[in-house]
C-alpha atoms as a PDB file:
ATOM      1  CA  MET A   1      34.512-123.907 188.720  1.00  0.00           C
ATOM      2  CA  HIS A   2      32.739-121.783 186.135  1.00  0.00           C
ATOM      3  CA  LEU A   3      28.986-121.984 186.468  1.00  0.00           C
ATOM      4  CA  LEU A   4      26.819-121.779 183.387  1.00  0.00           C
ATOM      5  CA  ARG A   5      24.589-118.728 183.394  1.00  0.00           C
ATOM      6  CA  LYS A   6      20.854-119.221 183.525  1.00  0.00           C
ATOM      7  CA  LYS A   7      18.933-118.529 180.330  1.00  0.00           C
ATOM      8  CA  VAL A   8      15.939-116.298 179.674  1.00  0.00           C
ATOM      9  CA  LEU A   9      13.849-116.098 176.498  1.00  0.00           C
ATOM     10  CA  ILE A  10      12.062-112.767 175.996  1.00  0.00           C
ATOM     11  CA  ALA A  11       9.116-112.794 173.581  1.00  0.00           C
ATOM     12  CA  GLY A  12       8.152-109.437 172.079  1.00  0.00           C
ATOM     13  CA  ALA A  13      11.756-108.335 172.555  1.00  0.00           C
ATOM     14  CA  ASN A  14      11.696-105.467 170.044  1.00  0.00           C
ATOM     15  CA  GLY A  15       8.915-103.615 171.837  1.00  0.00           C
ATOM     16  CA  LEU A  16       9.252-101.081 174.643  1.00  0.00           C
ATOM     17  CA  LEU A  17       8.929-103.572 177.498  1.00  0.00           C
ATOM     18  CA  GLY A  18      10.899-106.236 175.664  1.00  0.00           C
ATOM     19  CA  GLN A  19      13.882-103.908 175.265  1.00  0.00           C
ATOM     20  CA  GLN A  20      13.762-103.003 178.935  1.00  0.00           C
ATOM     21  CA  LEU A  21      13.630-106.685 179.894  1.00  0.00           C
ATOM     22  CA  ILE A  22      16.745-107.352 177.835  1.00  0.00           C
ATOM     23  CA  LYS A  23      18.560-104.598 179.735  1.00  0.00           C
ATOM     24  CA  VAL A  24      17.409-105.955 183.093  1.00  0.00           C
ATOM     25  CA  PHE A  25      18.541-109.537 182.440  1.00  0.00           C
ATOM     26  CA  ARG A  26      21.568-109.326 180.154  1.00  0.00           C
ATOM     27  CA  ASP A  27      24.304-108.742 182.739  1.00  0.00           C
ATOM     28  CA  ASP A  28      23.458-111.861 184.731  1.00  0.00           C
ATOM     29  CA  TYR A  29      21.721-114.184 182.277  1.00  0.00           C
ATOM     30  CA  GLU A  30      22.222-115.633 178.820  1.00  0.00           C
ATOM     31  CA  VAL A  31      19.517-113.601 177.086  1.00  0.00           C
ATOM     32  CA  HIS A  32      17.650-114.758 173.995  1.00  0.00           C
ATOM     33  CA  ALA A  33      15.349-112.241 172.334  1.00  0.00           C
ATOM     34  CA  LEU A  34      12.400-113.306 170.167  1.00  0.00           C
ATOM     35  CA  SER A  35      10.400-111.000 167.912  1.00  0.00           C
ATOM     36  CA  LEU A  36       8.702-110.875 164.501  1.00  0.00           C
ATOM     37  CA  GLN A  37      11.087-108.421 162.837  1.00  0.00           C
ATOM     38  CA  PRO A  38      14.120-109.660 160.859  1.00  0.00           C
ATOM     39  CA  GLU A  39      16.584-107.751 163.044  1.00  0.00           C
ATOM     40  CA  ARG A  40      16.979-106.547 166.600  1.00  0.00           C
ATOM     41  CA  ARG A  41      16.057-102.968 167.438  1.00  0.00           C
ATOM     42  CA  LEU A  42      18.072-102.619 170.626  1.00  0.00           C
ATOM     43  CA  PRO A  43      21.574-101.886 169.291  1.00  0.00           C
ATOM     44  CA  ASP A  44      23.518-102.970 172.367  1.00  0.00           C
ATOM     45  CA  GLY A  45      25.022-106.428 172.242  1.00  0.00           C
ATOM     46  CA  ASN A  46      25.259-109.146 174.886  1.00  0.00           C
ATOM     47  CA  PHE A  47      22.128-111.013 173.793  1.00  0.00           C
ATOM     48  CA  GLN A  48      21.109-113.316 170.987  1.00  0.00           C
ATOM     49  CA  TYR A  49      18.280-112.388 168.647  1.00  0.00           C
ATOM     50  CA  HIS A  50      15.822-114.834 167.070  1.00  0.00           C
ATOM     51  CA  GLN A  51      13.177-113.941 164.510  1.00  0.00           C
ATOM     52  CA  GLY A  52       9.984-115.825 165.209  1.00  0.00           C
ATOM     53  CA  ASP A  53       6.280-115.808 165.951  1.00  0.00           C
ATOM     54  CA  ILE A  54       4.745-117.093 169.176  1.00  0.00           C
ATOM     55  CA  ALA A  55       1.695-118.067 167.106  1.00  0.00           C
ATOM     56  CA  ASP A  56       3.813-120.686 165.262  1.00  0.00           C
ATOM     57  CA  ARG A  57       3.662-123.579 167.712  1.00  0.00           C
ATOM     58  CA  GLN A  58       6.141-125.896 166.000  1.00  0.00           C
ATOM     59  CA  LYS A  59       8.896-123.314 165.505  1.00  0.00           C
ATOM     60  CA  LEU A  60       8.402-121.918 169.008  1.00  0.00           C
ATOM     61  CA  ARG A  61       8.620-125.386 170.520  1.00  0.00           C
ATOM     62  CA  ASP A  62      11.759-126.149 168.505  1.00  0.00           C
ATOM     63  CA  LEU A  63      13.417-122.916 169.675  1.00  0.00           C
ATOM     64  CA  VAL A  64      12.520-123.453 173.312  1.00  0.00           C
ATOM     65  CA  GLN A  65      13.676-127.075 173.245  1.00  0.00           C
ATOM     66  CA  ALA A  66      16.983-126.010 171.676  1.00  0.00           C
ATOM     67  CA  LEU A  67      17.569-123.269 174.256  1.00  0.00           C
ATOM     68  CA  VAL A  68      16.014-124.820 177.387  1.00  0.00           C
ATOM     69  CA  PRO A  69      15.545-121.440 179.114  1.00  0.00           C
ATOM     70  CA  ASN A  70      14.981-121.130 182.831  1.00  0.00           C
ATOM     71  CA  PHE A  71      12.521-118.271 182.293  1.00  0.00           C
ATOM     72  CA  ILE A  72      10.270-117.242 179.433  1.00  0.00           C
ATOM     73  CA  MET A  73       9.040-113.651 179.624  1.00  0.00           C
ATOM     74  CA  ASN A  74       6.033-112.873 177.428  1.00  0.00           C
ATOM     75  CA  ALA A  75       5.981-109.198 176.462  1.00  0.00           C
ATOM     76  CA  ALA A  76       4.407-109.977 173.072  1.00  0.00           C
ATOM     77  CA  ALA A  77       0.828-108.834 172.534  1.00  0.00           C
ATOM     78  CA  PHE A  78      -1.634-107.367 170.080  1.00  0.00           C
ATOM     79  CA  THR A  79      -2.286-104.025 171.802  1.00  0.00           C
ATOM     80  CA  ASP A  80      -4.248-102.024 169.211  1.00  0.00           C
ATOM     81  CA  VAL A  81      -7.414-101.693 171.293  1.00  0.00           C
ATOM     82  CA  ASP A  82      -9.578-100.192 168.543  1.00  0.00           C
ATOM     83  CA  GLY A  83      -7.950-102.241 165.791  1.00  0.00           C
ATOM     84  CA  SER A  84      -8.830-105.429 167.625  1.00  0.00           C
ATOM     85  CA  GLU A  85     -12.501-104.851 166.833  1.00  0.00           C
ATOM     86  CA  THR A  86     -11.811-105.335 163.106  1.00  0.00           C
ATOM     87  CA  GLN A  87      -8.686-107.531 163.291  1.00  0.00           C
ATOM     88  CA  ARG A  88     -10.148-110.070 165.671  1.00  0.00           C
ATOM     89  CA  GLU A  89      -8.461-113.118 164.183  1.00  0.00           C
ATOM     90  CA  LEU A  90      -4.982-111.570 164.416  1.00  0.00           C
ATOM     91  CA  CYS A  91      -5.655-110.262 167.920  1.00  0.00           C
ATOM     92  CA  TRP A  92      -6.767-113.699 169.120  1.00  0.00           C
ATOM     93  CA  LYS A  93      -3.859-115.433 167.400  1.00  0.00           C
ATOM     94  CA  ILE A  94      -1.310-113.362 169.335  1.00  0.00           C
ATOM     95  CA  ASN A  95      -3.079-112.825 172.656  1.00  0.00           C
ATOM     96  CA  VAL A  96      -4.550-116.297 173.099  1.00  0.00           C
ATOM     97  CA  THR A  97      -3.105-118.840 170.669  1.00  0.00           C
ATOM     98  CA  GLY A  98       0.376-117.405 171.238  1.00  0.00           C
ATOM     99  CA  VAL A  99      -0.037-117.811 174.990  1.00  0.00           C
ATOM    100  CA  GLU A 100      -1.232-121.389 174.519  1.00  0.00           C
ATOM    101  CA  ASN A 101       1.916-122.079 172.506  1.00  0.00           C
ATOM    102  CA  LEU A 102       4.169-120.493 175.131  1.00  0.00           C
ATOM    103  CA  VAL A 103       2.570-122.611 177.862  1.00  0.00           C
ATOM    104  CA  TYR A 104       3.009-125.726 175.716  1.00  0.00           C
ATOM    105  CA  ALA A 105       6.667-124.964 175.007  1.00  0.00           C
ATOM    106  CA  ALA A 106       7.454-123.941 178.584  1.00  0.00           C
ATOM    107  CA  GLN A 107       6.043-127.155 179.989  1.00  0.00           C
ATOM    108  CA  LYS A 108       8.159-129.206 177.578  1.00  0.00           C
ATOM    109  CA  VAL A 109      11.372-127.930 179.205  1.00  0.00           C
ATOM    110  CA  HIS A 110      10.011-127.054 182.679  1.00  0.00           C
ATOM    111  CA  ALA A 111      10.632-123.336 182.137  1.00  0.00           C
ATOM    112  CA  ARG A 112       8.969-120.721 184.323  1.00  0.00           C
ATOM    113  CA  LEU A 113       6.659-118.451 182.307  1.00  0.00           C
ATOM    114  CA  ILE A 114       5.874-114.828 183.195  1.00  0.00           C
ATOM    115  CA  HIS A 115       2.997-113.331 181.214  1.00  0.00           C
ATOM    116  CA  VAL A 116       2.096-109.634 180.989  1.00  0.00           C
ATOM    117  CA  SER A 117      -1.591-108.706 181.039  1.00  0.00           C
ATOM    118  CA  THR A 118      -3.654-105.552 181.496  1.00  0.00           C
ATOM    119  CA  ASP A 119      -6.200-103.634 183.549  1.00  0.00           C
ATOM    120  CA  TYR A 120      -8.537-103.923 180.552  1.00  0.00           C
ATOM    121  CA  VAL A 121      -9.700-107.280 181.927  1.00  0.00           C
ATOM    122  CA  PHE A 122     -11.798-105.124 184.294  1.00  0.00           C
ATOM    123  CA  ASP A 123     -14.739-102.928 183.358  1.00  0.00           C
ATOM    124  CA  GLY A 124     -13.320 -99.835 185.052  1.00  0.00           C
ATOM    125  CA  ARG A 125     -16.441 -99.052 187.047  1.00  0.00           C
ATOM    126  CA  ASN A 126     -15.001 -99.261 190.537  1.00  0.00           C
ATOM    127  CA  GLY A 127     -11.202 -99.101 190.538  1.00  0.00           C
ATOM    128  CA  PRO A 128      -8.592 -99.282 191.821  1.00  0.00           C
ATOM    129  CA  PHE A 129      -8.720-103.053 191.477  1.00  0.00           C
ATOM    130  CA  ARG A 130      -7.147-105.843 193.493  1.00  0.00           C
ATOM    131  CA  GLU A 131      -5.995-109.173 192.066  1.00  0.00           C
ATOM    132  CA  ASP A 132      -9.026-111.045 193.388  1.00  0.00           C
ATOM    133  CA  ASP A 133     -11.611-108.630 191.948  1.00  0.00           C
ATOM    134  CA  ARG A 134     -13.833-110.199 189.312  1.00  0.00           C
ATOM    135  CA  PRO A 135     -12.810-109.439 185.706  1.00  0.00           C
ATOM    136  CA  ASN A 136     -15.415-108.070 183.313  1.00  0.00           C
ATOM    137  CA  PRO A 137     -13.792-107.181 179.967  1.00  0.00           C
ATOM    138  CA  LEU A 138     -15.575-104.652 177.761  1.00  0.00           C
ATOM    139  CA  GLY A 139     -14.092-104.929 174.255  1.00  0.00           C
ATOM    140  CA  PHE A 140     -12.539-107.638 172.074  1.00  0.00           C
ATOM    141  CA  TYR A 141      -8.954-106.753 173.026  1.00  0.00           C
ATOM    142  CA  ALA A 142      -9.923-106.999 176.689  1.00  0.00           C
ATOM    143  CA  ARG A 143     -11.660-110.340 176.163  1.00  0.00           C
ATOM    144  CA  SER A 144      -8.607-111.712 174.352  1.00  0.00           C
ATOM    145  CA  LYS A 145      -6.308-110.682 177.211  1.00  0.00           C
ATOM    146  CA  LEU A 146      -8.571-112.325 179.787  1.00  0.00           C
ATOM    147  CA  ALA A 147      -8.693-115.473 177.653  1.00  0.00           C
ATOM    148  CA  GLY A 148      -4.897-115.450 177.599  1.00  0.00           C
ATOM    149  CA  GLU A 149      -4.820-115.218 181.381  1.00  0.00           C
ATOM    150  CA  ASN A 150      -7.223-118.143 181.638  1.00  0.00           C
ATOM    151  CA  VAL A 151      -4.930-120.278 179.484  1.00  0.00           C
ATOM    152  CA  LEU A 152      -2.229-119.900 182.138  1.00  0.00           C
ATOM    153  CA  ILE A 153      -4.550-120.203 185.113  1.00  0.00           C
ATOM    154  CA  ASN A 154      -6.017-123.458 183.776  1.00  0.00           C
ATOM    155  CA  SER A 155      -2.627-124.940 182.901  1.00  0.00           C
ATOM    156  CA  GLU A 156      -0.166-126.799 185.099  1.00  0.00           C
ATOM    157  CA  ALA A 157       2.695-124.547 183.999  1.00  0.00           C
ATOM    158  CA  ASN A 158       5.038-122.873 186.473  1.00  0.00           C
ATOM    159  CA  CYS A 159       3.776-119.384 185.737  1.00  0.00           C
ATOM    160  CA  ALA A 160       2.686-116.001 187.000  1.00  0.00           C
ATOM    161  CA  ILE A 161       0.619-113.193 185.482  1.00  0.00           C
ATOM    162  CA  ALA A 162       1.609-109.555 185.882  1.00  0.00           C
ATOM    163  CA  ARG A 163      -1.138-107.070 185.029  1.00  0.00           C
ATOM    164  CA  THR A 164       0.020-103.570 184.229  1.00  0.00           C
ATOM    165  CA  MET A 165      -1.303-100.386 182.592  1.00  0.00           C
ATOM    166  CA  VAL A 166      -0.500 -97.020 180.968  1.00  0.00           C
ATOM    167  CA  LEU A 167       3.000 -98.155 180.055  1.00  0.00           C
ATOM    168  CA  TYR A 168       5.519 -95.567 178.912  1.00  0.00           C
ATOM    169  CA  GLY A 169       9.235 -95.263 178.448  1.00  0.00           C
ATOM    170  CA  ALA A 170      12.131 -94.886 176.046  1.00  0.00           C
ATOM    171  CA  GLY A 171      13.314 -97.350 173.428  1.00  0.00           C
ATOM    172  CA  TYR A 172      14.689 -97.797 169.928  1.00  0.00           C
ATOM    173  CA  GLU A 173      12.290 -97.674 166.960  1.00  0.00           C
ATOM    174  CA  ILE A 174       9.268 -98.206 169.194  1.00  0.00           C
ATOM    175  CA  ARG A 175       5.768 -96.929 168.619  1.00  0.00           C
ATOM    176  CA  PRO A 176       4.919 -93.668 170.386  1.00  0.00           C
ATOM    177  CA  ASN A 177       3.375 -94.134 173.819  1.00  0.00           C
ATOM    178  CA  PHE A 178       1.231 -91.584 175.624  1.00  0.00           C
ATOM    179  CA  VAL A 179       4.188 -89.772 177.181  1.00  0.00           C
ATOM    180  CA  THR A 180       6.468 -89.677 174.135  1.00  0.00           C
ATOM    181  CA  TRP A 181       3.566 -88.623 171.903  1.00  0.00           C
ATOM    182  CA  LEU A 182       2.542 -85.832 174.266  1.00  0.00           C
ATOM    183  CA  ILE A 183       6.071 -84.470 174.591  1.00  0.00           C
ATOM    184  CA  GLU A 184       6.449 -84.403 170.807  1.00  0.00           C
ATOM    185  CA  GLN A 185       3.162 -82.545 170.360  1.00  0.00           C
ATOM    186  CA  LEU A 186       3.907 -79.944 173.028  1.00  0.00           C
ATOM    187  CA  ARG A 187       7.459 -79.361 171.823  1.00  0.00           C
ATOM    188  CA  ASN A 188       6.019 -78.591 168.395  1.00  0.00           C
ATOM    189  CA  GLY A 189       3.551 -76.136 169.926  1.00  0.00           C
ATOM    190  CA  LYS A 190       0.542 -78.256 169.034  1.00  0.00           C
ATOM    191  CA  SER A 191      -2.674 -78.178 171.028  1.00  0.00           C
ATOM    192  CA  VAL A 192      -3.831 -81.544 172.383  1.00  0.00           C
ATOM    193  CA  ARG A 193      -7.120 -82.867 173.768  1.00  0.00           C
ATOM    194  CA  ILE A 194      -6.764 -85.326 176.637  1.00  0.00           C
ATOM    195  CA  VAL A 195      -9.526 -87.197 178.443  1.00  0.00           C
ATOM    196  CA  ASP A 196     -10.064 -86.378 182.099  1.00  0.00           C
ATOM    197  CA  ASP A 197     -12.395 -89.304 182.845  1.00  0.00           C
ATOM    198  CA  GLN A 198      -9.982 -92.217 182.298  1.00  0.00           C
ATOM    199  CA  PHE A 199      -8.073 -93.129 185.454  1.00  0.00           C
ATOM    200  CA  GLY A 200      -5.090 -95.437 185.829  1.00  0.00           C
ATOM    201  CA  ASN A 201      -1.580 -95.924 187.158  1.00  0.00           C
ATOM    202  CA  PRO A 202       1.093 -94.654 184.749  1.00  0.00           C
ATOM    203  CA  THR A 203       3.898 -97.246 184.677  1.00  0.00           C
ATOM    204  CA  LEU A 204       7.522 -96.643 183.703  1.00  0.00           C
ATOM    205  CA  ALA A 205       8.670 -99.556 181.539  1.00  0.00           C
ATOM    206  CA  SER A 206      12.137 -99.779 183.092  1.00  0.00           C
ATOM    207  CA  GLU A 207      10.631-100.144 186.573  1.00  0.00           C
ATOM    208  CA  LEU A 208       8.159-102.750 185.358  1.00  0.00           C
ATOM    209  CA  ALA A 209      11.003-104.756 183.809  1.00  0.00           C
ATOM    210  CA  VAL A 210      12.882-104.817 187.119  1.00  0.00           C
ATOM    211  CA  ALA A 211       9.721-105.954 188.911  1.00  0.00           C
ATOM    212  CA  LEU A 212       9.126-108.701 186.334  1.00  0.00           C
ATOM    213  CA  ARG A 213      12.614-110.097 186.882  1.00  0.00           C
ATOM    214  CA  ILE A 214      11.961-110.113 190.626  1.00  0.00           C
ATOM    215  CA  LEU A 215       8.661-111.926 190.010  1.00  0.00           C
ATOM    216  CA  ALA A 216      10.374-114.491 187.775  1.00  0.00           C
ATOM    217  CA  GLU A 217      13.098-115.206 190.310  1.00  0.00           C
ATOM    218  CA  SER A 218      10.690-115.285 193.250  1.00  0.00           C
ATOM    219  CA  GLY A 219       8.967-118.473 192.160  1.00  0.00           C
ATOM    220  CA  HIS A 220       5.600-117.004 193.187  1.00  0.00           C
ATOM    221  CA  LYS A 221       2.603-118.089 191.144  1.00  0.00           C
ATOM    222  CA  GLY A 222      -0.741-116.421 190.505  1.00  0.00           C
ATOM    223  CA  VAL A 223      -1.712-112.888 189.519  1.00  0.00           C
ATOM    224  CA  TYR A 224       0.090-109.690 190.514  1.00  0.00           C
ATOM    225  CA  HIS A 225      -0.829-106.079 189.828  1.00  0.00           C
ATOM    226  CA  ILE A 226       2.401-104.277 188.963  1.00  0.00           C
ATOM    227  CA  SER A 227       2.162-100.641 187.943  1.00  0.00           C
ATOM    228  CA  GLY A 228       3.096 -97.167 189.059  1.00  0.00           C
ATOM    229  CA  SER A 229       1.969 -96.443 192.612  1.00  0.00           C
ATOM    230  CA  GLU A 230      -0.372 -93.515 191.903  1.00  0.00           C
ATOM    231  CA  VAL A 231      -3.816 -93.393 190.277  1.00  0.00           C
ATOM    232  CA  ILE A 232      -4.430 -90.321 188.115  1.00  0.00           C
ATOM    233  CA  ASP A 233      -6.612 -89.291 185.183  1.00  0.00           C
ATOM    234  CA  ARG A 234      -4.970 -88.837 181.765  1.00  0.00           C
ATOM    235  CA  TYR A 235      -5.470 -85.055 181.625  1.00  0.00           C
ATOM    236  CA  HIS A 236      -3.755 -84.362 184.937  1.00  0.00           C
ATOM    237  CA  PHE A 237      -1.072 -86.901 184.034  1.00  0.00           C
ATOM    238  CA  ALA A 238      -0.428 -84.873 180.878  1.00  0.00           C
ATOM    239  CA  VAL A 239      -0.187 -81.646 182.883  1.00  0.00           C
ATOM    240  CA  LYS A 240       2.413 -83.224 185.207  1.00  0.00           C
ATOM    241  CA  ILE A 241       4.432 -84.435 182.204  1.00  0.00           C
ATOM    242  CA  ALA A 242       4.438 -80.889 180.820  1.00  0.00           C
ATOM    243  CA  GLU A 243       5.599 -79.519 184.165  1.00  0.00           C
ATOM    244  CA  VAL A 244       8.486 -81.978 184.491  1.00  0.00           C
ATOM    245  CA  PHE A 245       9.667 -81.302 180.927  1.00  0.00           C
ATOM    246  CA  GLY A 246       9.137 -77.544 181.112  1.00  0.00           C
ATOM    247  CA  LEU A 247       6.523 -77.528 178.346  1.00  0.00           C
ATOM    248  CA  ASP A 248       3.420 -75.381 177.894  1.00  0.00           C
ATOM    249  CA  ALA A 249       0.573 -77.030 179.821  1.00  0.00           C
ATOM    250  CA  SER A 250      -1.911 -74.468 178.464  1.00  0.00           C
ATOM    251  CA  LEU A 251      -1.829 -76.425 175.184  1.00  0.00           C
ATOM    252  CA  ILE A 252      -3.508 -79.347 176.971  1.00  0.00           C
ATOM    253  CA  HIS A 253      -7.320 -79.277 176.933  1.00  0.00           C
ATOM    254  CA  PRO A 254      -9.573 -81.676 178.867  1.00  0.00           C
ATOM    255  CA  ILE A 255     -12.273 -83.653 177.052  1.00  0.00           C
ATOM    256  CA  LYS A 256     -14.439 -86.691 177.802  1.00  0.00           C
ATOM    257  CA  THR A 257     -13.849 -90.187 176.456  1.00  0.00           C
ATOM    258  CA  SER A 258     -17.233 -90.045 174.734  1.00  0.00           C
ATOM    259  CA  ASP A 259     -15.954 -87.136 172.624  1.00  0.00           C
ATOM    260  CA  LEU A 260     -13.438 -89.434 170.920  1.00  0.00           C
ATOM    261  CA  LYS A 261     -16.002 -91.911 169.590  1.00  0.00           C
ATOM    262  CA  GLN A 262     -13.506 -94.771 169.800  1.00  0.00           C
ATOM    263  CA  ALA A 263     -14.324 -98.156 168.286  1.00  0.00           C
ATOM    264  CA  SER A 264     -13.711-100.071 171.506  1.00  0.00           C
ATOM    265  CA  PRO A 265     -14.896 -99.167 175.018  1.00  0.00           C
ATOM    266  CA  ARG A 266     -12.317 -98.308 177.686  1.00  0.00           C
ATOM    267  CA  PRO A 267     -12.369 -99.042 181.406  1.00  0.00           C
ATOM    268  CA  LEU A 268     -12.749 -95.511 182.762  1.00  0.00           C
ATOM    269  CA  ARG A 269     -12.323 -95.597 186.530  1.00  0.00           C
ATOM    270  CA  SER A 270      -9.528 -98.126 186.537  1.00  0.00           C
ATOM    271  CA  GLY A 271      -6.338 -98.227 188.577  1.00  0.00           C
ATOM    272  CA  PHE A 272      -4.546-100.898 190.587  1.00  0.00           C
ATOM    273  CA  ASP A 273      -3.990-101.626 194.220  1.00  0.00           C
ATOM    274  CA  ILE A 274      -0.375-102.871 194.052  1.00  0.00           C
ATOM    275  CA  SER A 275       0.020-103.699 197.745  1.00  0.00           C
ATOM    276  CA  LYS A 276       0.241-107.469 197.104  1.00  0.00           C
ATOM    277  CA  ALA A 277       3.199-107.052 194.737  1.00  0.00           C
ATOM    278  CA  VAL A 278       4.904-104.525 197.000  1.00  0.00           C
ATOM    279  CA  THR A 279       4.536-106.775 200.044  1.00  0.00           C
ATOM    280  CA  GLU A 280       5.258-110.194 198.540  1.00  0.00           C
ATOM    281  CA  LEU A 281       7.907-109.176 195.984  1.00  0.00           C
ATOM    282  CA  ASN A 282       9.425-106.242 197.871  1.00  0.00           C
ATOM    283  CA  ILE A 283       9.300-104.048 194.760  1.00  0.00           C
ATOM    284  CA  SER A 284       9.331-100.258 194.624  1.00  0.00           C
ATOM    285  CA  MET A 285       7.259 -98.399 192.011  1.00  0.00           C
ATOM    286  CA  SER A 286       7.328 -94.632 191.476  1.00  0.00           C
ATOM    287  CA  ASP A 287       4.452 -92.204 191.786  1.00  0.00           C
ATOM    288  CA  VAL A 288       3.523 -90.078 188.766  1.00  0.00           C
ATOM    289  CA  VAL A 289       6.084 -87.285 189.087  1.00  0.00           C
ATOM    290  CA  GLY A 290       8.828 -89.620 190.249  1.00  0.00           C
ATOM    291  CA  GLY A 291       8.306 -91.894 187.265  1.00  0.00           C
ATOM    292  CA  VAL A 292       8.304 -89.045 184.750  1.00  0.00           C
ATOM    293  CA  GLN A 293      11.477 -87.614 186.300  1.00  0.00           C
ATOM    294  CA  LYS A 294      13.183 -91.003 185.936  1.00  0.00           C
ATOM    295  CA  PHE A 295      11.982 -91.183 182.342  1.00  0.00           C
ATOM    296  CA  LYS A 296      13.451 -87.754 181.621  1.00  0.00           C
ATOM    297  CA  ALA A 297      16.798 -88.953 182.944  1.00  0.00           C
ATOM    298  CA  GLU A 298      16.581 -92.088 180.773  1.00  0.00           C
ATOM    299  CA  LEU A 299      15.922 -89.994 177.656  1.00  0.00           C
ATOM    300  CA  ALA A 300      19.113 -88.047 178.296  1.00  0.00           C
ATOM    301  CA  VAL A 301      21.278 -91.156 177.893  1.00  0.00           C
ATOM    302  CA  ILE A 302      19.455 -93.111 175.181  1.00  0.00           C
END
């Protein structure tokens, strides 16, 4: 007897993580991709694309009730940290109202919801952080992400929160991330200034996507820190990227975060302890060099 495949709805499907989630699920699931843009960015087939906005409660509910997915993966977010200070209404609409709508829709069809959050919910004064450390967001983006987490925590939805950070990877028509931007600059012989006082775990998007599928299928609830396994500052991360790609590391110059005069504060000494996710989900996340080497291999086939 032919068994119907389970369904997954991926919100934010045109972004870096969304594209990786499609790849992770599409061989075994009926994949439905949801994003704001009129057309899909990932050219490969074997999934259905829906244009839509998680901030539109009625249309989101109608879509979810029509599909009745087993899992809803939320990779949609307003991630412009500095822009959030001036675009507060839009930031809140996506990062909080959108999450409220996803919870509402998921509960209507008893779907399991996996939500992606960030290390920015912490103040970055004493990382690496564990899941039970007390959040203390610094800027508006950070406050919106914590508010989104609280929507899930205070709901009765079947859900889990995966916090991640310093996400990088390859995709189609995606915005530059730290790694792709740096490689482009160095290949063009341009000098770059990189902060040496911001610490975190660089996370390869393809590995995060695999871990998120494992989390979805596990049935575990609560908060999980899922990131690369190694804490490093941005400057030394940049130097390692240059080494792996055979680029000129002498073009990379260390500066302090205060030199940038950014609109929103950053958590400086951040980082995650990922032992809970590794133990309970049996996931494997690369260290810095291992992740960048995998990324280089992915670029060769994209």
